[in-house]
Amino acid sequence: MDRTRLISMWDRAWTEGLWAASWSASLEGLTPAEASWQPANAPGIAGTRHAIWQIVLHMCLWREHWLKKLQGGGTPKEELDRLNFPPIADASETAWAAARQRFARTQHDISAALKNPATTDAHFEAIAHFLPHDCYHFGQINTIRAMLGKKPLE
């Protein structure tokens, strides 16, 4: 996909949505309890699914990892393993607001990296994969919103 089209789609996913609710709207109107609620697995499968909040932190982790890679760094594998879908230790409104702000910041930072002419083709291709990855996770988020009885988003 060419850069101009991908950048447009990335930015529209946040503001308007891509055939589904915008990513920004999908994170609005959730209490910390709702954001940290973990649906049960299917009958016969032990445990629970990931909470919206865990999914948001998962996306932040990988976005930040690749942004660090653009700068020649990265996140150690042990940290990626430990922080991938982490448990929610602090389910306060302040912590949930911080998670949403962190996500918004990574949204802006990925957009800036995509728009930066110094971003190599290889790095551009790597971070371009966040568009389908994050669309998948917002499908999960909006399914959980529906399970919570939230009004559908347009």
N, C-alpha and C. Protein backbone atom coordinates (compact mmCIF):
# COMPACT_ATOMS: atom_id res chain seq x y z
N MET A 1 0.85 -1.18 0.00
CA MET A 1 0.00 0.00 0.00
C MET A 1 0.90 1.24 0.00
N ASP A 2 0.48 2.25 -0.74
CA ASP A 2 1.30 3.44 -0.80
C ASP A 2 1.16 4.25 0.50
N ARG A 3 2.16 5.04 0.78
CA ARG A 3 2.22 5.79 2.05
C ARG A 3 1.04 6.72 2.24
N THR A 4 0.69 7.47 1.21
CA THR A 4 -0.37 8.45 1.34
C THR A 4 -1.69 7.79 1.74
N ARG A 5 -2.00 6.69 1.11
CA ARG A 5 -3.26 6.00 1.42
C ARG A 5 -3.23 5.41 2.83
N LEU A 6 -2.11 4.79 3.20
CA LEU A 6 -2.02 4.20 4.53
C LEU A 6 -2.11 5.28 5.61
N ILE A 7 -1.44 6.39 5.42
CA ILE A 7 -1.48 7.48 6.39
C ILE A 7 -2.92 7.98 6.55
N SER A 8 -3.61 8.14 5.43
CA SER A 8 -4.99 8.59 5.48
C SER A 8 -5.86 7.59 6.25
N MET A 9 -5.69 6.32 5.98
CA MET A 9 -6.47 5.30 6.67
C MET A 9 -6.14 5.27 8.16
N TRP A 10 -4.87 5.40 8.50
CA TRP A 10 -4.44 5.40 9.91
C TRP A 10 -5.12 6.53 10.68
N ASP A 11 -5.05 7.73 10.10
CA ASP A 11 -5.63 8.88 10.77
C ASP A 11 -7.16 8.79 10.83
N ARG A 12 -7.80 8.30 9.77
CA ARG A 12 -9.26 8.16 9.76
C ARG A 12 -9.73 7.09 10.73
N ALA A 13 -8.94 6.05 10.95
CA ALA A 13 -9.33 5.01 11.91
C ALA A 13 -9.56 5.64 13.28
N TRP A 14 -8.76 6.61 13.64
CA TRP A 14 -8.85 7.28 14.94
C TRP A 14 -10.02 8.26 14.98
N THR A 15 -10.20 9.03 13.92
CA THR A 15 -11.17 10.12 13.96
C THR A 15 -12.56 9.75 13.45
N GLU A 16 -12.62 9.00 12.36
CA GLU A 16 -13.90 8.71 11.70
C GLU A 16 -14.27 7.23 11.70
N GLY A 17 -13.27 6.39 11.73
CA GLY A 17 -13.49 4.95 11.63
C GLY A 17 -13.33 4.47 10.20
N LEU A 18 -13.08 3.21 10.06
CA LEU A 18 -12.93 2.56 8.76
C LEU A 18 -13.99 1.47 8.65
N TRP A 19 -15.14 1.80 8.18
CA TRP A 19 -16.28 0.88 8.07
C TRP A 19 -16.73 0.36 9.42
N ALA A 20 -16.27 0.98 10.45
CA ALA A 20 -16.65 0.63 11.82
C ALA A 20 -16.45 1.87 12.68
N ALA A 21 -16.78 1.77 13.94
CA ALA A 21 -16.62 2.90 14.85
C ALA A 21 -15.17 3.37 14.90
N SER A 22 -15.00 4.67 15.09
CA SER A 22 -13.64 5.20 15.22
C SER A 22 -12.99 4.62 16.46
N TRP A 23 -11.68 4.55 16.41
CA TRP A 23 -10.95 4.02 17.56
C TRP A 23 -11.12 4.94 18.76
N SER A 24 -11.13 6.25 18.53
CA SER A 24 -11.29 7.17 19.66
C SER A 24 -12.66 6.97 20.32
N ALA A 25 -13.72 6.87 19.54
CA ALA A 25 -15.06 6.68 20.10
C ALA A 25 -15.18 5.34 20.82
N SER A 26 -14.48 4.34 20.33
CA SER A 26 -14.56 3.00 20.93
C SER A 26 -14.00 2.97 22.34
N LEU A 27 -13.13 3.92 22.67
CA LEU A 27 -12.54 3.96 24.01
C LEU A 27 -13.26 4.93 24.94
N GLU A 28 -14.23 5.66 24.42
CA GLU A 28 -14.96 6.63 25.23
C GLU A 28 -16.15 5.97 25.93
N GLY A 29 -16.56 6.58 27.03
CA GLY A 29 -17.79 6.16 27.70
C GLY A 29 -17.70 4.85 28.46
N LEU A 30 -16.50 4.43 28.77
CA LEU A 30 -16.30 3.20 29.54
C LEU A 30 -15.80 3.54 30.93
N THR A 31 -16.41 2.97 31.93
CA THR A 31 -15.90 3.13 33.29
C THR A 31 -14.69 2.22 33.47
N PRO A 32 -13.89 2.47 34.49
CA PRO A 32 -12.78 1.55 34.76
C PRO A 32 -13.26 0.11 34.98
N ALA A 33 -14.40 -0.06 35.65
CA ALA A 33 -14.93 -1.42 35.87
C ALA A 33 -15.29 -2.08 34.56
N GLU A 34 -15.89 -1.32 33.66
CA GLU A 34 -16.25 -1.88 32.35
C GLU A 34 -15.00 -2.20 31.54
N ALA A 35 -14.03 -1.30 31.55
CA ALA A 35 -12.80 -1.49 30.78
C ALA A 35 -11.98 -2.66 31.30
N SER A 36 -12.10 -2.98 32.58
CA SER A 36 -11.30 -4.07 33.16
C SER A 36 -12.07 -5.39 33.25
N TRP A 37 -13.34 -5.40 32.84
CA TRP A 37 -14.14 -6.62 32.88
C TRP A 37 -13.63 -7.63 31.86
N GLN A 38 -13.47 -8.88 32.31
CA GLN A 38 -12.98 -9.95 31.44
C GLN A 38 -14.11 -10.94 31.18
N PRO A 39 -14.57 -11.02 29.92
CA PRO A 39 -15.62 -11.99 29.61
C PRO A 39 -15.13 -13.42 29.82
N ALA A 40 -16.07 -14.29 30.13
CA ALA A 40 -15.74 -15.71 30.28
C ALA A 40 -15.39 -16.31 28.92
N ASN A 41 -14.57 -17.32 28.95
CA ASN A 41 -14.31 -18.10 27.74
C ASN A 41 -15.56 -18.88 27.36
N ALA A 42 -15.52 -19.50 26.24
CA ALA A 42 -16.62 -20.34 25.78
C ALA A 42 -16.83 -21.49 26.77
N PRO A 43 -18.05 -22.03 26.83
CA PRO A 43 -18.30 -23.16 27.73
C PRO A 43 -17.30 -24.29 27.49
N GLY A 44 -16.81 -24.82 28.58
CA GLY A 44 -15.84 -25.92 28.50
C GLY A 44 -14.40 -25.47 28.41
N ILE A 45 -14.18 -24.17 28.29
CA ILE A 45 -12.81 -23.64 28.25
C ILE A 45 -12.61 -22.79 29.50
N ALA A 46 -11.64 -23.18 30.30
CA ALA A 46 -11.39 -22.49 31.58
C ALA A 46 -10.87 -21.08 31.34
N GLY A 47 -11.10 -20.23 32.32
CA GLY A 47 -10.51 -18.90 32.30
C GLY A 47 -11.39 -17.85 31.66
N THR A 48 -10.76 -16.72 31.39
CA THR A 48 -11.46 -15.57 30.84
C THR A 48 -10.73 -15.04 29.61
N ARG A 49 -11.42 -14.17 28.89
CA ARG A 49 -10.82 -13.47 27.76
C ARG A 49 -10.15 -12.19 28.27
N HIS A 50 -9.46 -11.52 27.39
CA HIS A 50 -8.83 -10.25 27.79
C HIS A 50 -9.87 -9.16 27.92
N ALA A 51 -9.61 -8.24 28.85
CA ALA A 51 -10.44 -7.06 29.06
C ALA A 51 -10.06 -6.00 28.02
N ILE A 52 -10.97 -5.07 27.79
CA ILE A 52 -10.69 -3.94 26.90
C ILE A 52 -9.40 -3.25 27.32
N TRP A 53 -9.26 -3.01 28.58
CA TRP A 53 -8.08 -2.31 29.11
C TRP A 53 -6.80 -3.07 28.78
N GLN A 54 -6.83 -4.38 28.95
CA GLN A 54 -5.66 -5.20 28.62
C GLN A 54 -5.34 -5.13 27.13
N ILE A 55 -6.37 -5.11 26.31
CA ILE A 55 -6.17 -5.02 24.86
C ILE A 55 -5.53 -3.67 24.51
N VAL A 56 -6.00 -2.60 25.14
CA VAL A 56 -5.43 -1.27 24.92
C VAL A 56 -3.96 -1.26 25.31
N LEU A 57 -3.63 -1.82 26.47
CA LEU A 57 -2.23 -1.84 26.91
C LEU A 57 -1.37 -2.71 25.98
N HIS A 58 -1.93 -3.79 25.48
CA HIS A 58 -1.23 -4.64 24.51
C HIS A 58 -0.87 -3.84 23.26
N MET A 59 -1.86 -3.09 22.72
CA MET A 59 -1.59 -2.31 21.52
C MET A 59 -0.54 -1.23 21.81
N CYS A 60 -0.63 -0.57 22.96
CA CYS A 60 0.37 0.45 23.33
C CYS A 60 1.77 -0.15 23.40
N LEU A 61 1.88 -1.30 24.04
CA LEU A 61 3.18 -1.95 24.19
C LEU A 61 3.84 -2.17 22.84
N TRP A 62 3.12 -2.75 21.90
CA TRP A 62 3.71 -3.07 20.60
C TRP A 62 3.95 -1.83 19.77
N ARG A 63 3.09 -0.85 19.86
CA ARG A 63 3.33 0.41 19.16
C ARG A 63 4.61 1.06 19.69
N GLU A 64 4.72 1.14 21.01
CA GLU A 64 5.91 1.76 21.62
C GLU A 64 7.18 0.97 21.29
N HIS A 65 7.07 -0.34 21.25
CA HIS A 65 8.23 -1.18 20.90
C HIS A 65 8.74 -0.82 19.50
N TRP A 66 7.81 -0.72 18.54
CA TRP A 66 8.24 -0.42 17.17
C TRP A 66 8.68 1.02 17.02
N LEU A 67 8.10 1.92 17.77
CA LEU A 67 8.60 3.30 17.74
C LEU A 67 10.04 3.36 18.28
N LYS A 68 10.33 2.56 19.30
CA LYS A 68 11.71 2.49 19.82
C LYS A 68 12.63 1.88 18.77
N LYS A 69 12.14 0.89 18.03
CA LYS A 69 12.96 0.27 16.98
C LYS A 69 13.31 1.28 15.89
N LEU A 70 12.41 2.19 15.62
CA LEU A 70 12.71 3.24 14.64
C LEU A 70 13.89 4.09 15.08
N GLN A 71 14.08 4.19 16.39
CA GLN A 71 15.18 4.98 16.95
C GLN A 71 16.41 4.12 17.21
N GLY A 72 16.37 2.86 16.77
CA GLY A 72 17.51 1.97 16.94
C GLY A 72 17.46 1.13 18.21
N GLY A 73 16.35 1.21 18.95
CA GLY A 73 16.23 0.45 20.19
C GLY A 73 15.21 -0.65 20.08
N GLY A 74 14.41 -0.77 21.10
CA GLY A 74 13.39 -1.81 21.16
C GLY A 74 13.11 -2.11 22.61
N THR A 75 12.25 -3.07 22.83
CA THR A 75 11.87 -3.48 24.17
C THR A 75 12.41 -4.89 24.38
N PRO A 76 13.08 -5.15 25.51
CA PRO A 76 13.59 -6.51 25.76
C PRO A 76 12.46 -7.54 25.73
N LYS A 77 12.77 -8.73 25.22
CA LYS A 77 11.78 -9.79 25.08
C LYS A 77 11.10 -10.11 26.41
N GLU A 78 11.86 -10.13 27.50
CA GLU A 78 11.26 -10.43 28.80
C GLU A 78 10.18 -9.40 29.17
N GLU A 79 10.44 -8.14 28.83
CA GLU A 79 9.47 -7.08 29.11
C GLU A 79 8.25 -7.21 28.21
N LEU A 80 8.48 -7.54 26.94
CA LEU A 80 7.36 -7.76 26.02
C LEU A 80 6.48 -8.89 26.53
N ASP A 81 7.10 -9.97 26.97
CA ASP A 81 6.33 -11.11 27.49
C ASP A 81 5.55 -10.74 28.75
N ARG A 82 6.19 -10.00 29.63
CA ARG A 82 5.58 -9.64 30.91
C ARG A 82 4.45 -8.63 30.76
N LEU A 83 4.59 -7.71 29.82
CA LEU A 83 3.61 -6.62 29.69
C LEU A 83 2.59 -6.83 28.58
N ASN A 84 2.64 -7.96 27.91
CA ASN A 84 1.68 -8.26 26.85
C ASN A 84 0.38 -8.72 27.51
N PHE A 85 -0.70 -7.96 27.39
CA PHE A 85 -1.97 -8.23 28.05
C PHE A 85 -1.79 -8.34 29.57
N PRO A 86 -1.26 -7.29 30.20
CA PRO A 86 -0.98 -7.37 31.63
C PRO A 86 -2.26 -7.35 32.47
N PRO A 87 -2.19 -7.90 33.69
CA PRO A 87 -3.34 -7.76 34.59
C PRO A 87 -3.49 -6.29 34.97
N ILE A 88 -4.71 -5.90 35.28
CA ILE A 88 -4.98 -4.51 35.68
C ILE A 88 -4.83 -4.44 37.19
N ALA A 89 -3.74 -3.83 37.64
CA ALA A 89 -3.45 -3.75 39.07
C ALA A 89 -4.15 -2.57 39.72
N ASP A 90 -4.31 -1.49 38.99
CA ASP A 90 -4.94 -0.28 39.50
C ASP A 90 -6.13 0.04 38.60
N ALA A 91 -7.33 -0.27 39.05
CA ALA A 91 -8.53 -0.07 38.24
C ALA A 91 -9.23 1.26 38.56
N SER A 92 -8.42 2.29 38.80
CA SER A 92 -8.99 3.60 39.12
C SER A 92 -9.30 4.38 37.84
N GLU A 93 -10.11 5.41 37.98
CA GLU A 93 -10.41 6.29 36.84
C GLU A 93 -9.13 6.96 36.34
N THR A 94 -8.25 7.33 37.27
CA THR A 94 -6.99 7.97 36.88
C THR A 94 -6.14 7.03 36.02
N ALA A 95 -6.06 5.77 36.42
CA ALA A 95 -5.26 4.81 35.66
C ALA A 95 -5.88 4.52 34.30
N TRP A 96 -7.22 4.43 34.23
CA TRP A 96 -7.90 4.19 32.95
C TRP A 96 -7.72 5.40 32.04
N ALA A 97 -7.82 6.61 32.59
CA ALA A 97 -7.59 7.82 31.78
C ALA A 97 -6.15 7.84 31.25
N ALA A 98 -5.21 7.43 32.09
CA ALA A 98 -3.80 7.39 31.66
C ALA A 98 -3.60 6.38 30.54
N ALA A 99 -4.28 5.25 30.60
CA ALA A 99 -4.17 4.24 29.54
C ALA A 99 -4.73 4.78 28.22
N ARG A 100 -5.86 5.47 28.30
CA ARG A 100 -6.45 6.06 27.08
C ARG A 100 -5.54 7.16 26.52
N GLN A 101 -4.95 7.96 27.40
CA GLN A 101 -4.03 9.01 26.95
C GLN A 101 -2.78 8.40 26.33
N ARG A 102 -2.29 7.33 26.91
CA ARG A 102 -1.12 6.63 26.36
C ARG A 102 -1.45 6.12 24.97
N PHE A 103 -2.65 5.55 24.80
CA PHE A 103 -3.03 5.04 23.49
C PHE A 103 -3.11 6.19 22.48
N ALA A 104 -3.73 7.30 22.87
CA ALA A 104 -3.84 8.46 21.98
C ALA A 104 -2.46 8.97 21.59
N ARG A 105 -1.54 8.99 22.54
CA ARG A 105 -0.17 9.43 22.25
C ARG A 105 0.50 8.50 21.24
N THR A 106 0.32 7.18 21.41
CA THR A 106 0.94 6.26 20.46
C THR A 106 0.28 6.38 19.09
N GLN A 107 -1.01 6.69 19.07
CA GLN A 107 -1.71 6.91 17.79
C GLN A 107 -1.05 8.06 17.05
N HIS A 108 -0.84 9.16 17.75
CA HIS A 108 -0.20 10.34 17.16
C HIS A 108 1.24 10.02 16.75
N ASP A 109 1.97 9.32 17.60
CA ASP A 109 3.38 9.03 17.32
C ASP A 109 3.54 8.10 16.11
N ILE A 110 2.66 7.12 15.98
CA ILE A 110 2.72 6.24 14.80
C ILE A 110 2.39 7.06 13.55
N SER A 111 1.39 7.92 13.64
CA SER A 111 1.03 8.78 12.51
C SER A 111 2.23 9.63 12.08
N ALA A 112 2.90 10.22 13.05
CA ALA A 112 4.07 11.05 12.75
C ALA A 112 5.18 10.22 12.11
N ALA A 113 5.38 9.00 12.60
CA ALA A 113 6.42 8.14 12.02
C ALA A 113 6.07 7.76 10.58
N LEU A 114 4.79 7.47 10.34
CA LEU A 114 4.37 7.14 8.98
C LEU A 114 4.57 8.32 8.03
N LYS A 115 4.36 9.53 8.54
CA LYS A 115 4.48 10.74 7.72
C LYS A 115 5.93 11.21 7.55
N ASN A 116 6.83 10.70 8.38
CA ASN A 116 8.22 11.15 8.36
C ASN A 116 8.94 10.57 7.15
N PRO A 117 9.43 11.41 6.23
CA PRO A 117 10.13 10.89 5.05
C PRO A 117 11.40 10.13 5.40
N ALA A 118 11.93 10.33 6.61
CA ALA A 118 13.15 9.62 7.01
C ALA A 118 12.86 8.18 7.43
N THR A 119 11.58 7.83 7.62
CA THR A 119 11.23 6.45 7.98
C THR A 119 11.52 5.56 6.77
N THR A 120 12.40 4.60 6.97
CA THR A 120 12.79 3.72 5.87
C THR A 120 11.61 2.88 5.41
N ASP A 121 11.70 2.36 4.19
CA ASP A 121 10.64 1.50 3.67
C ASP A 121 10.43 0.29 4.56
N ALA A 122 11.51 -0.29 5.06
CA ALA A 122 11.38 -1.47 5.92
C ALA A 122 10.64 -1.14 7.21
N HIS A 123 11.00 -0.02 7.83
CA HIS A 123 10.31 0.38 9.05
C HIS A 123 8.88 0.79 8.76
N PHE A 124 8.66 1.46 7.64
CA PHE A 124 7.30 1.84 7.26
C PHE A 124 6.44 0.59 7.12
N GLU A 125 6.93 -0.42 6.44
CA GLU A 125 6.18 -1.67 6.26
C GLU A 125 5.88 -2.33 7.60
N ALA A 126 6.85 -2.29 8.50
CA ALA A 126 6.66 -2.91 9.82
C ALA A 126 5.55 -2.21 10.59
N ILE A 127 5.58 -0.88 10.65
CA ILE A 127 4.56 -0.19 11.43
C ILE A 127 3.23 -0.13 10.69
N ALA A 128 3.25 -0.30 9.37
CA ALA A 128 2.00 -0.35 8.61
C ALA A 128 1.13 -1.53 9.06
N HIS A 129 1.75 -2.57 9.58
CA HIS A 129 0.99 -3.74 10.04
C HIS A 129 0.10 -3.44 11.25
N PHE A 130 0.33 -2.30 11.89
CA PHE A 130 -0.54 -1.95 13.01
C PHE A 130 -1.96 -1.63 12.57
N LEU A 131 -2.16 -1.23 11.33
CA LEU A 131 -3.51 -0.92 10.89
C LEU A 131 -4.41 -2.15 10.96
N PRO A 132 -4.07 -3.27 10.31
CA PRO A 132 -4.94 -4.44 10.46
C PRO A 132 -4.92 -5.03 11.87
N HIS A 133 -3.76 -4.99 12.53
CA HIS A 133 -3.64 -5.51 13.89
C HIS A 133 -4.61 -4.78 14.81
N ASP A 134 -4.59 -3.46 14.76
CA ASP A 134 -5.42 -2.68 15.66
C ASP A 134 -6.88 -2.72 15.26
N CYS A 135 -7.18 -2.82 13.96
CA CYS A 135 -8.58 -3.02 13.54
C CYS A 135 -9.13 -4.30 14.15
N TYR A 136 -8.35 -5.36 14.14
CA TYR A 136 -8.75 -6.62 14.76
C TYR A 136 -9.09 -6.41 16.23
N HIS A 137 -8.19 -5.74 16.95
CA HIS A 137 -8.41 -5.55 18.38
C HIS A 137 -9.59 -4.61 18.66
N PHE A 138 -9.84 -3.64 17.80
CA PHE A 138 -11.02 -2.80 18.01
C PHE A 138 -12.30 -3.57 17.71
N GLY A 139 -12.23 -4.58 16.87
CA GLY A 139 -13.38 -5.48 16.73
C GLY A 139 -13.66 -6.18 18.04
N GLN A 140 -12.61 -6.64 18.71
CA GLN A 140 -12.76 -7.25 20.02
C GLN A 140 -13.34 -6.25 21.02
N ILE A 141 -12.78 -5.06 21.04
CA ILE A 141 -13.23 -4.03 21.99
C ILE A 141 -14.71 -3.75 21.80
N ASN A 142 -15.14 -3.60 20.56
CA ASN A 142 -16.54 -3.27 20.32
C ASN A 142 -17.46 -4.45 20.57
N THR A 143 -16.97 -5.67 20.44
CA THR A 143 -17.75 -6.84 20.83
C THR A 143 -17.94 -6.85 22.34
N ILE A 144 -16.88 -6.56 23.07
CA ILE A 144 -16.99 -6.51 24.54
C ILE A 144 -17.92 -5.37 24.94
N ARG A 145 -17.83 -4.24 24.27
CA ARG A 145 -18.77 -3.14 24.56
C ARG A 145 -20.21 -3.63 24.41
N ALA A 146 -20.48 -4.40 23.37
CA ALA A 146 -21.82 -4.93 23.15
C ALA A 146 -22.21 -5.88 24.28
N MET A 147 -21.27 -6.71 24.72
CA MET A 147 -21.53 -7.63 25.83
C MET A 147 -21.83 -6.87 27.12
N LEU A 148 -21.25 -5.67 27.24
CA LEU A 148 -21.50 -4.83 28.40
C LEU A 148 -22.84 -4.08 28.32
N GLY A 149 -23.51 -4.22 27.18
CA GLY A 149 -24.79 -3.53 26.99
C GLY A 149 -24.65 -2.10 26.53
N LYS A 150 -23.47 -1.73 26.02
CA LYS A 150 -23.25 -0.38 25.51
C LYS A 150 -23.99 -0.19 24.19
N LYS A 151 -24.46 1.01 23.96
CA LYS A 151 -25.12 1.36 22.71
C LYS A 151 -24.13 1.19 21.56
N PRO A 152 -24.58 0.62 20.43
CA PRO A 152 -23.66 0.49 19.28
C PRO A 152 -23.15 1.85 18.82
N LEU A 153 -21.91 1.88 18.37
CA LEU A 153 -21.30 3.09 17.86
C LEU A 153 -21.42 3.09 16.34
N GLU A 154 -21.65 4.22 15.79
CA GLU A 154 -21.75 4.35 14.33
C GLU A 154 -20.48 4.97 13.79
